[in-house]
Amino acid sequence: MERTFSMIKPDAVKAGHVGGILAVLEKEGFKIRGLRMTHLSKAQAGAFYAVHRERPFYASLVTFMTEGPVVAIVLDRADAVKKLREVMGATNPANAAEGTIRKLFAESIERNAIHGSDAPETAAQEIPFFFTGADLL
């Protein structure tokens, strides 16, 4: 089993897609080990996405991620990181495969419904941003 991190973004929460996204994840064999709804401050969003600080989209990403609540999720399954990336689909929903979360629920490349860790090492950094060990099953 491998553990990974995902976050349902404000666009998908506002549109009422939390249940649909969780259903897709469970259907794909993920076990939910932690789940939390929260509203990120600008400082929190900035810290979470600090890796993108030098990119031109950083400021708009931070603004977007603070527009409304997000749902932070810890997931387990074999090859969790790789499988989550597949299930999420391409960043641009126009290029995402049929049945992927972004094809089903994303509005645009900027409002793409879901975040997922890109490597086990990234997941190990992102999970404690939202959860303590006592929060996880």
C-alpha atoms as a PDB file:
ATOM      1  CA  MET A   1       0.000   0.000   0.000  1.00  0.00           C
ATOM      2  CA  GLU A   2       1.080   3.521  -0.756  1.00  0.00           C
ATOM      3  CA  ARG A   3      -0.289   6.732   0.725  1.00  0.00           C
ATOM      4  CA  THR A   4      -0.965   9.915  -1.223  1.00  0.00           C
ATOM      5  CA  PHE A   5      -2.588  13.302  -0.795  1.00  0.00           C
ATOM      6  CA  SER A   6      -5.377  14.915  -2.765  1.00  0.00           C
ATOM      7  CA  MET A   7      -7.387  18.084  -2.420  1.00  0.00           C
ATOM      8  CA  ILE A   8     -10.741  18.951  -3.927  1.00  0.00           C
ATOM      9  CA  LYS A   9     -10.401  22.563  -5.008  1.00  0.00           C
ATOM     10  CA  PRO A  10     -12.831  25.437  -4.345  1.00  0.00           C
ATOM     11  CA  ASP A  11     -14.429  25.271  -7.802  1.00  0.00           C
ATOM     12  CA  ALA A  12     -15.508  21.654  -7.346  1.00  0.00           C
ATOM     13  CA  VAL A  13     -16.626  22.203  -3.733  1.00  0.00           C
ATOM     14  CA  LYS A  14     -18.753  25.190  -4.772  1.00  0.00           C
ATOM     15  CA  ALA A  15     -20.284  23.217  -7.659  1.00  0.00           C
ATOM     16  CA  GLY A  16     -21.314  20.395  -5.309  1.00  0.00           C
ATOM     17  CA  HIS A  17     -18.934  17.775  -6.731  1.00  0.00           C
ATOM     18  CA  VAL A  18     -17.324  16.559  -3.490  1.00  0.00           C
ATOM     19  CA  GLY A  19     -19.478  13.433  -3.281  1.00  0.00           C
ATOM     20  CA  GLY A  20     -19.021  12.625  -6.961  1.00  0.00           C
ATOM     21  CA  ILE A  21     -15.245  12.979  -6.749  1.00  0.00           C
ATOM     22  CA  LEU A  22     -15.047  10.851  -3.595  1.00  0.00           C
ATOM     23  CA  ALA A  23     -17.205   8.212  -5.305  1.00  0.00           C
ATOM     24  CA  VAL A  24     -14.812   8.063  -8.274  1.00  0.00           C
ATOM     25  CA  LEU A  25     -11.832   7.699  -5.924  1.00  0.00           C
ATOM     26  CA  GLU A  26     -13.478   4.879  -3.980  1.00  0.00           C
ATOM     27  CA  LYS A  27     -14.585   3.144  -7.178  1.00  0.00           C
ATOM     28  CA  GLU A  28     -10.944   3.187  -8.295  1.00  0.00           C
ATOM     29  CA  GLY A  29      -9.896   1.314  -5.148  1.00  0.00           C
ATOM     30  CA  PHE A  30      -8.693   4.165  -2.968  1.00  0.00           C
ATOM     31  CA  LYS A  31      -9.307   3.942   0.767  1.00  0.00           C
ATOM     32  CA  ILE A  32      -9.958   7.280   2.454  1.00  0.00           C
ATOM     33  CA  ARG A  33      -7.685   7.533   5.509  1.00  0.00           C
ATOM     34  CA  GLY A  34      -8.194  11.225   6.266  1.00  0.00           C
ATOM     35  CA  LEU A  35     -10.783  13.792   5.196  1.00  0.00           C
ATOM     36  CA  ARG A  36     -11.053  17.446   6.198  1.00  0.00           C
ATOM     37  CA  MET A  37     -12.876  20.464   4.837  1.00  0.00           C
ATOM     38  CA  THR A  38     -11.143  23.767   5.476  1.00  0.00           C
ATOM     39  CA  HIS A  39     -10.852  27.272   4.080  1.00  0.00           C
ATOM     40  CA  LEU A  40      -7.258  28.191   3.296  1.00  0.00           C
ATOM     41  CA  SER A  41      -5.925  31.621   4.181  1.00  0.00           C
ATOM     42  CA  LYS A  42      -3.685  33.411   1.663  1.00  0.00           C
ATOM     43  CA  ALA A  43      -0.687  32.531   3.845  1.00  0.00           C
ATOM     44  CA  GLN A  44      -1.642  28.844   3.952  1.00  0.00           C
ATOM     45  CA  ALA A  45      -2.300  28.637   0.208  1.00  0.00           C
ATOM     46  CA  GLY A  46       0.944  30.469  -0.478  1.00  0.00           C
ATOM     47  CA  ALA A  47       2.891  28.078   1.727  1.00  0.00           C
ATOM     48  CA  PHE A  48       1.225  24.991   0.266  1.00  0.00           C
ATOM     49  CA  TYR A  49       2.013  26.075  -3.307  1.00  0.00           C
ATOM     50  CA  ALA A  50       5.419  27.612  -2.484  1.00  0.00           C
ATOM     51  CA  VAL A  51       7.057  25.316  -5.040  1.00  0.00           C
ATOM     52  CA  HIS A  52       5.327  27.423  -7.718  1.00  0.00           C
ATOM     53  CA  ARG A  53       6.296  30.796  -6.210  1.00  0.00           C
ATOM     54  CA  GLU A  54       8.412  31.838  -9.224  1.00  0.00           C
ATOM     55  CA  ARG A  55       5.830  30.812 -11.817  1.00  0.00           C
ATOM     56  CA  PRO A  56       3.594  33.399 -13.476  1.00  0.00           C
ATOM     57  CA  PHE A  57       0.393  31.694 -12.294  1.00  0.00           C
ATOM     58  CA  TYR A  58       1.344  31.617  -8.591  1.00  0.00           C
ATOM     59  CA  ALA A  59      -0.595  34.718  -7.473  1.00  0.00           C
ATOM     60  CA  SER A  60      -3.768  33.703  -9.303  1.00  0.00           C
ATOM     61  CA  LEU A  61      -3.438  30.140  -7.941  1.00  0.00           C
ATOM     62  CA  VAL A  62      -3.230  31.433  -4.363  1.00  0.00           C
ATOM     63  CA  THR A  63      -6.228  33.701  -4.950  1.00  0.00           C
ATOM     64  CA  PHE A  64      -8.232  30.832  -6.454  1.00  0.00           C
ATOM     65  CA  MET A  65      -7.376  28.432  -3.634  1.00  0.00           C
ATOM     66  CA  THR A  66      -8.679  30.923  -1.058  1.00  0.00           C
ATOM     67  CA  GLU A  67     -12.022  31.602  -2.813  1.00  0.00           C
ATOM     68  CA  GLY A  68     -13.858  28.975  -0.794  1.00  0.00           C
ATOM     69  CA  PRO A  69     -13.477  25.740   1.106  1.00  0.00           C
ATOM     70  CA  VAL A  70     -11.302  22.855  -0.020  1.00  0.00           C
ATOM     71  CA  VAL A  71     -11.460  19.196   0.978  1.00  0.00           C
ATOM     72  CA  ALA A  72      -8.112  17.659   1.942  1.00  0.00           C
ATOM     73  CA  ILE A  73      -7.913  13.886   1.544  1.00  0.00           C
ATOM     74  CA  VAL A  74      -5.395  11.195   2.438  1.00  0.00           C
ATOM     75  CA  LEU A  75      -5.731   8.085   0.300  1.00  0.00           C
ATOM     76  CA  ASP A  76      -4.224   4.582   0.355  1.00  0.00           C
ATOM     77  CA  ARG A  77      -3.950   1.911  -2.339  1.00  0.00           C
ATOM     78  CA  ALA A  78      -1.276   0.109  -4.316  1.00  0.00           C
ATOM     79  CA  ASP A  79       0.596   2.594  -6.538  1.00  0.00           C
ATOM     80  CA  ALA A  80      -1.525   5.385  -5.055  1.00  0.00           C
ATOM     81  CA  VAL A  81       0.438   8.331  -6.459  1.00  0.00           C
ATOM     82  CA  LYS A  82       0.553   7.007 -10.020  1.00  0.00           C
ATOM     83  CA  LYS A  83      -3.049   5.803  -9.964  1.00  0.00           C
ATOM     84  CA  LEU A  84      -4.360   9.097  -8.555  1.00  0.00           C
ATOM     85  CA  ARG A  85      -2.605  11.009 -11.356  1.00  0.00           C
ATOM     86  CA  GLU A  86      -4.329   8.727 -13.881  1.00  0.00           C
ATOM     87  CA  VAL A  87      -7.748   9.038 -12.231  1.00  0.00           C
ATOM     88  CA  MET A  88      -7.445  12.838 -12.013  1.00  0.00           C
ATOM     89  CA  GLY A  89      -6.711  13.192 -15.730  1.00  0.00           C
ATOM     90  CA  ALA A  90      -4.766  15.852 -17.596  1.00  0.00           C
ATOM     91  CA  THR A  91      -4.507  19.282 -15.961  1.00  0.00           C
ATOM     92  CA  ASN A  92      -6.457  20.748 -18.861  1.00  0.00           C
ATOM     93  CA  PRO A  93      -9.875  19.046 -18.778  1.00  0.00           C
ATOM     94  CA  ALA A  94     -10.132  19.475 -22.557  1.00  0.00           C
ATOM     95  CA  ASN A  95      -7.228  17.014 -22.832  1.00  0.00           C
ATOM     96  CA  ALA A  96      -8.349  14.681 -20.032  1.00  0.00           C
ATOM     97  CA  ALA A  97      -9.455  11.138 -20.820  1.00  0.00           C
ATOM     98  CA  GLU A  98     -13.138  10.251 -20.586  1.00  0.00           C
ATOM     99  CA  GLY A  99     -14.196   9.223 -17.094  1.00  0.00           C
ATOM    100  CA  THR A 100     -11.370  11.046 -15.311  1.00  0.00           C
ATOM    101  CA  ILE A 101     -12.182  13.460 -12.514  1.00  0.00           C
ATOM    102  CA  ARG A 102     -11.100  16.491 -14.487  1.00  0.00           C
ATOM    103  CA  LYS A 103     -13.082  15.447 -17.566  1.00  0.00           C
ATOM    104  CA  LEU A 104     -16.154  14.919 -15.382  1.00  0.00           C
ATOM    105  CA  PHE A 105     -15.884  17.849 -12.976  1.00  0.00           C
ATOM    106  CA  ALA A 106     -13.302  20.505 -13.984  1.00  0.00           C
ATOM    107  CA  GLU A 107     -14.209  23.873 -15.497  1.00  0.00           C
ATOM    108  CA  SER A 108     -10.884  24.820 -17.102  1.00  0.00           C
ATOM    109  CA  ILE A 109      -7.125  24.401 -16.884  1.00  0.00           C
ATOM    110  CA  GLU A 110      -7.089  26.926 -14.026  1.00  0.00           C
ATOM    111  CA  ARG A 111     -10.210  25.603 -12.274  1.00  0.00           C
ATOM    112  CA  ASN A 112      -9.405  21.943 -12.561  1.00  0.00           C
ATOM    113  CA  ALA A 113     -11.293  20.496  -9.567  1.00  0.00           C
ATOM    114  CA  ILE A 114      -8.551  18.476  -7.874  1.00  0.00           C
ATOM    115  CA  HIS A 115      -4.941  18.460  -6.726  1.00  0.00           C
ATOM    116  CA  GLY A 116      -2.893  15.308  -6.284  1.00  0.00           C
ATOM    117  CA  SER A 117       0.632  14.683  -5.075  1.00  0.00           C
ATOM    118  CA  ASP A 118       3.060  14.077  -7.933  1.00  0.00           C
ATOM    119  CA  ALA A 119       5.432  11.771  -6.034  1.00  0.00           C
ATOM    120  CA  PRO A 120       5.561   9.812  -2.760  1.00  0.00           C
ATOM    121  CA  GLU A 121       8.003  12.411  -1.411  1.00  0.00           C
ATOM    122  CA  THR A 122       5.572  15.211  -2.223  1.00  0.00           C
ATOM    123  CA  ALA A 123       2.730  13.328  -0.534  1.00  0.00           C
ATOM    124  CA  ALA A 124       4.915  12.937   2.570  1.00  0.00           C
ATOM    125  CA  GLN A 125       5.264  16.753   2.684  1.00  0.00           C
ATOM    126  CA  GLU A 126       1.664  17.602   1.794  1.00  0.00           C
ATOM    127  CA  ILE A 127      -0.143  15.247   4.186  1.00  0.00           C
ATOM    128  CA  PRO A 128       1.222  16.864   7.387  1.00  0.00           C
ATOM    129  CA  PHE A 129       0.229  20.278   6.054  1.00  0.00           C
ATOM    130  CA  PHE A 130      -3.392  19.280   6.811  1.00  0.00           C
ATOM    131  CA  PHE A 131      -3.258  16.215   9.085  1.00  0.00           C
ATOM    132  CA  THR A 132      -1.480  14.914  12.168  1.00  0.00           C
ATOM    133  CA  GLY A 133      -0.843  11.221  12.617  1.00  0.00           C
ATOM    134  CA  ALA A 134      -3.784  11.026  15.042  1.00  0.00           C
ATOM    135  CA  ASP A 135      -6.119  12.261  12.273  1.00  0.00           C
ATOM    136  CA  LEU A 136      -5.361   9.338   9.963  1.00  0.00           C
ATOM    137  CA  LEU A 137      -6.732   5.825   9.957  1.00  0.00           C
END
